[in-house]
Each structure stands twice: as C-alpha cells, then as structure tokens.
Amino acid sequence: MTALWAAMAEGSGAIFDDALRATADKPAHGYWLNYARCHDDVIWKALDRSAAKLRQKTWTKFYAGGESFADGWPSR
C-alpha cells in the first residue's frame, strides 16, 4: 500500500514493481493475507530497503505541500 502511494507521488510504477518482486517469493507452505489500511497511516519506513530517506521526504512534501493531485488538507 505504501509503495502504491509512493508510485503515485513519483508518477512511476518502479517502486511498486520493486515491492511486488520482493514479495513474490512466498514459501510453498505460506499463504497470502489481504489487509485493508487507512491512507492516514502511510509509513514510508516500510520502503527503507527500496528508497532512500531523501526520496521518502520528497513523497511527504508532495502529499503535504500542496503539490499533489489531492484536494484534502494536510494534518497540522
């Protein structure tokens, strides 16, 4: 979910592709679990292995700084 928000901020699916590749290797005895989350708790730290801190700060600025396509208000 976090990678999807990052991909939208960058206008590129590269980070999302990285996340999918990293999770594609499921053990034969494993299962997938669907988990719905609220967008209010996007945690960039979940992408530390795929994206540098500066890149994560750029996404935060995109969503909180009025640059995004969102019509909502940033939290204060």
PDB file of N, CA and C in Angstrom:
ATOM      1  N   MET A   1       0.830  -1.175   0.000  1.00  0.00           N
ATOM      2  CA  MET A   1       0.000   0.000   0.000  1.00  0.00           C
ATOM      3  C   MET A   1       0.885   1.252   0.000  1.00  0.00           C
ATOM      4  N   THR A   2       1.922   1.250   0.805  1.00  0.00           N
ATOM      5  CA  THR A   2       2.825   2.398   0.854  1.00  0.00           C
ATOM      6  C   THR A   2       3.522   2.591  -0.484  1.00  0.00           C
ATOM      7  N   ALA A   3       3.924   1.506  -1.124  1.00  0.00           N
ATOM      8  CA  ALA A   3       4.574   1.596  -2.434  1.00  0.00           C
ATOM      9  C   ALA A   3       3.623   2.171  -3.480  1.00  0.00           C
ATOM     10  N   LEU A   4       2.352   1.890  -3.360  1.00  0.00           N
ATOM     11  CA  LEU A   4       1.380   2.436  -4.295  1.00  0.00           C
ATOM     12  C   LEU A   4       1.299   3.952  -4.146  1.00  0.00           C
ATOM     13  N   TRP A   5       1.271   4.453  -2.919  1.00  0.00           N
ATOM     14  CA  TRP A   5       1.249   5.897  -2.687  1.00  0.00           C
ATOM     15  C   TRP A   5       2.532   6.547  -3.206  1.00  0.00           C
ATOM     16  N   ALA A   6       3.666   5.877  -3.000  1.00  0.00           N
ATOM     17  CA  ALA A   6       4.946   6.397  -3.490  1.00  0.00           C
ATOM     18  C   ALA A   6       4.948   6.450  -5.016  1.00  0.00           C
ATOM     19  N   ALA A   7       4.433   5.408  -5.646  1.00  0.00           N
ATOM     20  CA  ALA A   7       4.376   5.366  -7.112  1.00  0.00           C
ATOM     21  C   ALA A   7       3.509   6.504  -7.655  1.00  0.00           C
ATOM     22  N   MET A   8       2.408   6.788  -6.998  1.00  0.00           N
ATOM     23  CA  MET A   8       1.557   7.886  -7.449  1.00  0.00           C
ATOM     24  C   MET A   8       2.266   9.228  -7.297  1.00  0.00           C
ATOM     25  N   ALA A   9       3.006   9.405  -6.202  1.00  0.00           N
ATOM     26  CA  ALA A   9       3.726  10.660  -5.982  1.00  0.00           C
ATOM     27  C   ALA A   9       4.795  10.881  -7.038  1.00  0.00           C
ATOM     28  N   GLU A  10       5.447   9.806  -7.470  1.00  0.00           N
ATOM     29  CA  GLU A  10       6.517   9.917  -8.460  1.00  0.00           C
ATOM     30  C   GLU A  10       6.001   9.867  -9.899  1.00  0.00           C
ATOM     31  N   GLY A  11       4.780   9.389 -10.070  1.00  0.00           N
ATOM     32  CA  GLY A  11       4.264   9.226 -11.421  1.00  0.00           C
ATOM     33  C   GLY A  11       4.960   8.092 -12.151  1.00  0.00           C
ATOM     34  N   SER A  12       5.449   7.118 -11.372  1.00  0.00           N
ATOM     35  CA  SER A  12       6.179   5.976 -11.928  1.00  0.00           C
ATOM     36  C   SER A  12       5.867   4.741 -11.095  1.00  0.00           C
ATOM     37  N   GLY A  13       5.735   3.616 -11.740  1.00  0.00           N
ATOM     38  CA  GLY A  13       5.454   2.379 -11.025  1.00  0.00           C
ATOM     39  C   GLY A  13       6.686   1.612 -10.587  1.00  0.00           C
ATOM     40  N   ALA A  14       7.871   2.175 -10.736  1.00  0.00           N
ATOM     41  CA  ALA A  14       9.110   1.458 -10.427  1.00  0.00           C
ATOM     42  C   ALA A  14       9.168   0.973  -8.977  1.00  0.00           C
ATOM     43  N   ILE A  15       8.840   1.821  -8.015  1.00  0.00           N
ATOM     44  CA  ILE A  15       8.907   1.426  -6.605  1.00  0.00           C
ATOM     45  C   ILE A  15       7.874   0.344  -6.316  1.00  0.00           C
ATOM     46  N   PHE A  16       6.726   0.404  -6.981  1.00  0.00           N
ATOM     47  CA  PHE A  16       5.694  -0.603  -6.812  1.00  0.00           C
ATOM     48  C   PHE A  16       6.159  -1.941  -7.395  1.00  0.00           C
ATOM     49  N   ASP A  17       6.805  -1.893  -8.549  1.00  0.00           N
ATOM     50  CA  ASP A  17       7.383  -3.108  -9.141  1.00  0.00           C
ATOM     51  C   ASP A  17       8.401  -3.747  -8.208  1.00  0.00           C
ATOM     52  N   ASP A  18       9.254  -2.907  -7.595  1.00  0.00           N
ATOM     53  CA  ASP A  18      10.252  -3.422  -6.638  1.00  0.00           C
ATOM     54  C   ASP A  18       9.575  -4.143  -5.481  1.00  0.00           C
ATOM     55  N   ALA A  19       8.510  -3.551  -4.956  1.00  0.00           N
ATOM     56  CA  ALA A  19       7.796  -4.151  -3.823  1.00  0.00           C
ATOM     57  C   ALA A  19       7.158  -5.474  -4.224  1.00  0.00           C
ATOM     58  N   LEU A  20       6.584  -5.525  -5.413  1.00  0.00           N
ATOM     59  CA  LEU A  20       5.974  -6.774  -5.876  1.00  0.00           C
ATOM     60  C   LEU A  20       7.020  -7.873  -6.048  1.00  0.00           C
ATOM     61  N   ARG A  21       8.166  -7.523  -6.603  1.00  0.00           N
ATOM     62  CA  ARG A  21       9.238  -8.518  -6.776  1.00  0.00           C
ATOM     63  C   ARG A  21       9.740  -9.033  -5.420  1.00  0.00           C
ATOM     64  N   ALA A  22       9.823  -8.151  -4.450  1.00  0.00           N
ATOM     65  CA  ALA A  22      10.332  -8.531  -3.127  1.00  0.00           C
ATOM     66  C   ALA A  22       9.366  -9.459  -2.393  1.00  0.00           C
ATOM     67  N   THR A  23       8.092  -9.369  -2.702  1.00  0.00           N
ATOM     68  CA  THR A  23       7.108 -10.199  -2.008  1.00  0.00           C
ATOM     69  C   THR A  23       6.670 -11.408  -2.826  1.00  0.00           C
ATOM     70  N   ALA A  24       7.183 -11.531  -4.028  1.00  0.00           N
ATOM     71  CA  ALA A  24       6.742 -12.613  -4.912  1.00  0.00           C
ATOM     72  C   ALA A  24       7.215 -13.999  -4.461  1.00  0.00           C
ATOM     73  N   ASP A  25       8.300 -14.068  -3.729  1.00  0.00           N
ATOM     74  CA  ASP A  25       8.840 -15.352  -3.306  1.00  0.00           C
ATOM     75  C   ASP A  25       8.203 -15.814  -1.997  1.00  0.00           C
ATOM     76  N   LYS A  26       7.047 -16.402  -2.119  1.00  0.00           N
ATOM     77  CA  LYS A  26       6.322 -16.916  -0.965  1.00  0.00           C
ATOM     78  C   LYS A  26       6.678 -18.388  -0.804  1.00  0.00           C
ATOM     79  N   PRO A  27       6.993 -18.826   0.412  1.00  0.00           N
ATOM     80  CA  PRO A  27       7.274 -20.248   0.616  1.00  0.00           C
ATOM     81  C   PRO A  27       6.075 -21.107   0.193  1.00  0.00           C
ATOM     82  N   ALA A  28       6.335 -22.310  -0.243  1.00  0.00           N
ATOM     83  CA  ALA A  28       5.263 -23.207  -0.701  1.00  0.00           C
ATOM     84  C   ALA A  28       4.213 -23.437   0.388  1.00  0.00           C
ATOM     85  N   HIS A  29       4.612 -23.421   1.646  1.00  0.00           N
ATOM     86  CA  HIS A  29       3.677 -23.649   2.744  1.00  0.00           C
ATOM     87  C   HIS A  29       3.029 -22.350   3.250  1.00  0.00           C
ATOM     88  N   GLY A  30       3.350 -21.202   2.596  1.00  0.00           N
ATOM     89  CA  GLY A  30       2.820 -19.919   3.035  1.00  0.00           C
ATOM     90  C   GLY A  30       1.491 -19.572   2.387  1.00  0.00           C
ATOM     91  N   TYR A  31       0.869 -18.520   2.876  1.00  0.00           N
ATOM     92  CA  TYR A  31      -0.414 -18.039   2.352  1.00  0.00           C
ATOM     93  C   TYR A  31      -0.350 -16.532   2.207  1.00  0.00           C
ATOM     94  N   TRP A  32      -1.169 -15.969   1.345  1.00  0.00           N
ATOM     95  CA  TRP A  32      -1.316 -14.528   1.224  1.00  0.00           C
ATOM     96  C   TRP A  32      -2.446 -14.071   2.135  1.00  0.00           C
ATOM     97  N   LEU A  33      -2.311 -12.883   2.695  1.00  0.00           N
ATOM     98  CA  LEU A  33      -3.327 -12.292   3.553  1.00  0.00           C
ATOM     99  C   LEU A  33      -3.641 -10.902   3.015  1.00  0.00           C
ATOM    100  N   ASN A  34      -4.887 -10.613   2.766  1.00  0.00           N
ATOM    101  CA  ASN A  34      -5.296  -9.275   2.355  1.00  0.00           C
ATOM    102  C   ASN A  34      -5.552  -8.452   3.606  1.00  0.00           C
ATOM    103  N   TYR A  35      -5.031  -7.244   3.611  1.00  0.00           N
ATOM    104  CA  TYR A  35      -5.127  -6.376   4.775  1.00  0.00           C
ATOM    105  C   TYR A  35      -5.473  -4.978   4.290  1.00  0.00           C
ATOM    106  N   ALA A  36      -6.599  -4.449   4.708  1.00  0.00           N
ATOM    107  CA  ALA A  36      -7.012  -3.102   4.308  1.00  0.00           C
ATOM    108  C   ALA A  36      -6.550  -2.101   5.363  1.00  0.00           C
ATOM    109  N   ARG A  37      -5.969  -0.997   4.885  1.00  0.00           N
ATOM    110  CA  ARG A  37      -5.476   0.033   5.793  1.00  0.00           C
ATOM    111  C   ARG A  37      -6.023   1.392   5.397  1.00  0.00           C
ATOM    112  N   CYS A  38      -5.954   2.296   6.301  1.00  0.00           N
ATOM    113  CA  CYS A  38      -6.362   3.667   6.055  1.00  0.00           C
ATOM    114  C   CYS A  38      -5.173   4.447   5.489  1.00  0.00           C
ATOM    115  N   HIS A  39      -5.419   5.340   4.554  1.00  0.00           N
ATOM    116  CA  HIS A  39      -4.331   6.110   3.966  1.00  0.00           C
ATOM    117  C   HIS A  39      -3.710   7.087   4.970  1.00  0.00           C
ATOM    118  N   ASP A  40      -4.346   7.291   6.105  1.00  0.00           N
ATOM    119  CA  ASP A  40      -3.817   8.212   7.110  1.00  0.00           C
ATOM    120  C   ASP A  40      -2.571   7.668   7.806  1.00  0.00           C
ATOM    121  N   ASP A  41      -2.270   6.409   7.635  1.00  0.00           N
ATOM    122  CA  ASP A  41      -1.103   5.849   8.310  1.00  0.00           C
ATOM    123  C   ASP A  41      -0.061   5.315   7.320  1.00  0.00           C
ATOM    124  N   VAL A  42       0.166   6.065   6.243  1.00  0.00           N
ATOM    125  CA  VAL A  42       1.196   5.673   5.285  1.00  0.00           C
ATOM    126  C   VAL A  42       2.543   5.739   6.005  1.00  0.00           C
ATOM    127  N   ILE A  43       3.282   4.657   5.961  1.00  0.00           N
ATOM    128  CA  ILE A  43       4.557   4.563   6.681  1.00  0.00           C
ATOM    129  C   ILE A  43       5.675   4.378   5.662  1.00  0.00           C
ATOM    130  N   TRP A  44       6.352   5.471   5.318  1.00  0.00           N
ATOM    131  CA  TRP A  44       7.428   5.388   4.325  1.00  0.00           C
ATOM    132  C   TRP A  44       8.530   4.450   4.777  1.00  0.00           C
ATOM    133  N   LYS A  45       8.735   4.320   6.074  1.00  0.00           N
ATOM    134  CA  LYS A  45       9.803   3.458   6.599  1.00  0.00           C
ATOM    135  C   LYS A  45       9.682   2.027   6.083  1.00  0.00           C
ATOM    136  N   ALA A  46       8.481   1.617   5.714  1.00  0.00           N
ATOM    137  CA  ALA A  46       8.284   0.277   5.173  1.00  0.00           C
ATOM    138  C   ALA A  46       9.052   0.076   3.869  1.00  0.00           C
ATOM    139  N   LEU A  47       9.453   1.186   3.236  1.00  0.00           N
ATOM    140  CA  LEU A  47      10.181   1.106   1.971  1.00  0.00           C
ATOM    141  C   LEU A  47      11.662   1.449   2.123  1.00  0.00           C
ATOM    142  N   ASP A  48      12.194   1.399   3.342  1.00  0.00           N
ATOM    143  CA  ASP A  48      13.602   1.736   3.586  1.00  0.00           C
ATOM    144  C   ASP A  48      14.573   0.951   2.708  1.00  0.00           C
ATOM    145  N   ARG A  49      14.274  -0.302   2.442  1.00  0.00           N
ATOM    146  CA  ARG A  49      15.186  -1.110   1.620  1.00  0.00           C
ATOM    147  C   ARG A  49      15.144  -0.720   0.147  1.00  0.00           C
ATOM    148  N   SER A  50      14.045  -0.107  -0.270  1.00  0.00           N
ATOM    149  CA  SER A  50      13.862   0.232  -1.680  1.00  0.00           C
ATOM    150  C   SER A  50      14.080   1.704  -2.003  1.00  0.00           C
ATOM    151  N   ALA A  51      13.977   2.569  -1.001  1.00  0.00           N
ATOM    152  CA  ALA A  51      14.036   4.003  -1.269  1.00  0.00           C
ATOM    153  C   ALA A  51      14.813   4.751  -0.194  1.00  0.00           C
ATOM    154  N   ALA A  52      15.687   5.635  -0.637  1.00  0.00           N
ATOM    155  CA  ALA A  52      16.486   6.453   0.278  1.00  0.00           C
ATOM    156  C   ALA A  52      15.598   7.444   1.034  1.00  0.00           C
ATOM    157  N   LYS A  53      16.080   7.895   2.180  1.00  0.00           N
ATOM    158  CA  LYS A  53      15.314   8.840   3.012  1.00  0.00           C
ATOM    159  C   LYS A  53      14.955  10.112   2.237  1.00  0.00           C
ATOM    160  N   LEU A  54      15.865  10.600   1.400  1.00  0.00           N
ATOM    161  CA  LEU A  54      15.582  11.808   0.632  1.00  0.00           C
ATOM    162  C   LEU A  54      14.403  11.587  -0.310  1.00  0.00           C
ATOM    163  N   ARG A  55      14.329  10.434  -0.899  1.00  0.00           N
ATOM    164  CA  ARG A  55      13.215  10.094  -1.784  1.00  0.00           C
ATOM    165  C   ARG A  55      11.908  10.057  -0.986  1.00  0.00           C
ATOM    166  N   GLN A  56      11.961   9.496   0.216  1.00  0.00           N
ATOM    167  CA  GLN A  56      10.777   9.441   1.074  1.00  0.00           C
ATOM    168  C   GLN A  56      10.335  10.842   1.489  1.00  0.00           C
ATOM    169  N   LYS A  57      11.281  11.725   1.757  1.00  0.00           N
ATOM    170  CA  LYS A  57      10.940  13.109   2.115  1.00  0.00           C
ATOM    171  C   LYS A  57      10.275  13.821   0.939  1.00  0.00           C
ATOM    172  N   THR A  58      10.701  13.494  -0.279  1.00  0.00           N
ATOM    173  CA  THR A  58      10.091  14.081  -1.472  1.00  0.00           C
ATOM    174  C   THR A  58       8.630  13.676  -1.572  1.00  0.00           C
ATOM    175  N   TRP A  59       8.325  12.421  -1.274  1.00  0.00           N
ATOM    176  CA  TRP A  59       6.930  11.956  -1.303  1.00  0.00           C
ATOM    177  C   TRP A  59       6.097  12.687  -0.256  1.00  0.00           C
ATOM    178  N   THR A  60       6.661  12.835   0.943  1.00  0.00           N
ATOM    179  CA  THR A  60       5.947  13.541   2.011  1.00  0.00           C
ATOM    180  C   THR A  60       5.644  14.969   1.588  1.00  0.00           C
ATOM    181  N   LYS A  61       6.642  15.621   1.016  1.00  0.00           N
ATOM    182  CA  LYS A  61       6.455  17.004   0.553  1.00  0.00           C
ATOM    183  C   LYS A  61       5.385  17.051  -0.541  1.00  0.00           C
ATOM    184  N   PHE A  62       5.382  16.073  -1.421  1.00  0.00           N
ATOM    185  CA  PHE A  62       4.389  16.021  -2.494  1.00  0.00           C
ATOM    186  C   PHE A  62       2.973  15.992  -1.925  1.00  0.00           C
ATOM    187  N   TYR A  63       2.742  15.132  -0.946  1.00  0.00           N
ATOM    188  CA  TYR A  63       1.388  14.987  -0.397  1.00  0.00           C
ATOM    189  C   TYR A  63       1.021  16.083   0.596  1.00  0.00           C
ATOM    190  N   ALA A  64       1.977  16.606   1.340  1.00  0.00           N
ATOM    191  CA  ALA A  64       1.665  17.600   2.368  1.00  0.00           C
ATOM    192  C   ALA A  64       1.873  19.036   1.905  1.00  0.00           C
ATOM    193  N   GLY A  65       2.617  19.217   0.831  1.00  0.00           N
ATOM    194  CA  GLY A  65       2.977  20.566   0.423  1.00  0.00           C
ATOM    195  C   GLY A  65       2.117  21.196  -0.642  1.00  0.00           C
ATOM    196  N   GLY A  66       1.000  20.583  -0.967  1.00  0.00           N
ATOM    197  CA  GLY A  66       0.116  21.183  -1.943  1.00  0.00           C
ATOM    198  C   GLY A  66       0.478  20.892  -3.387  1.00  0.00           C
ATOM    199  N   GLU A  67       1.503  20.075  -3.633  1.00  0.00           N
ATOM    200  CA  GLU A  67       1.897  19.744  -4.994  1.00  0.00           C
ATOM    201  C   GLU A  67       1.048  18.620  -5.580  1.00  0.00           C
ATOM    202  N   SER A  68       0.403  17.842  -4.734  1.00  0.00           N
ATOM    203  CA  SER A  68      -0.272  16.636  -5.198  1.00  0.00           C
ATOM    204  C   SER A  68      -1.594  16.936  -5.887  1.00  0.00           C
ATOM    205  N   PHE A  69      -2.173  15.903  -6.436  1.00  0.00           N
ATOM    206  CA  PHE A  69      -3.475  15.982  -7.080  1.00  0.00           C
ATOM    207  C   PHE A  69      -4.609  15.849  -6.073  1.00  0.00           C
ATOM    208  N   ALA A  70      -4.284  15.714  -4.787  1.00  0.00           N
ATOM    209  CA  ALA A  70      -5.284  15.552  -3.732  1.00  0.00           C
ATOM    210  C   ALA A  70      -5.937  16.896  -3.416  1.00  0.00           C
ATOM    211  N   ASP A  71      -7.194  16.838  -2.999  1.00  0.00           N
ATOM    212  CA  ASP A  71      -7.918  18.041  -2.637  1.00  0.00           C
ATOM    213  C   ASP A  71      -8.025  18.226  -1.123  1.00  0.00           C
ATOM    214  N   GLY A  72      -7.477  17.300  -0.356  1.00  0.00           N
ATOM    215  CA  GLY A  72      -7.601  17.352   1.094  1.00  0.00           C
ATOM    216  C   GLY A  72      -6.648  18.349   1.724  1.00  0.00           C
ATOM    217  N   TRP A  73      -6.809  18.519   3.024  1.00  0.00           N
ATOM    218  CA  TRP A  73      -5.953  19.425   3.797  1.00  0.00           C
ATOM    219  C   TRP A  73      -4.885  18.615   4.521  1.00  0.00           C
ATOM    220  N   PRO A  74      -3.641  19.089   4.572  1.00  0.00           N
ATOM    221  CA  PRO A  74      -2.625  18.379   5.351  1.00  0.00           C
ATOM    222  C   PRO A  74      -2.943  18.458   6.833  1.00  0.00           C
ATOM    223  N   SER A  75      -2.599  17.423   7.591  1.00  0.00           N
ATOM    224  CA  SER A  75      -2.838  17.461   9.034  1.00  0.00           C
ATOM    225  C   SER A  75      -1.894  18.454   9.671  1.00  0.00           C
ATOM    226  N   ARG A  76      -2.298  19.003  10.750  1.00  0.00           N
ATOM    227  CA  ARG A  76      -1.483  20.035  11.419  1.00  0.00           C
ATOM    228  C   ARG A  76      -0.894  19.500  12.693  1.00  0.00           C
TER     229      ARG A  76
END
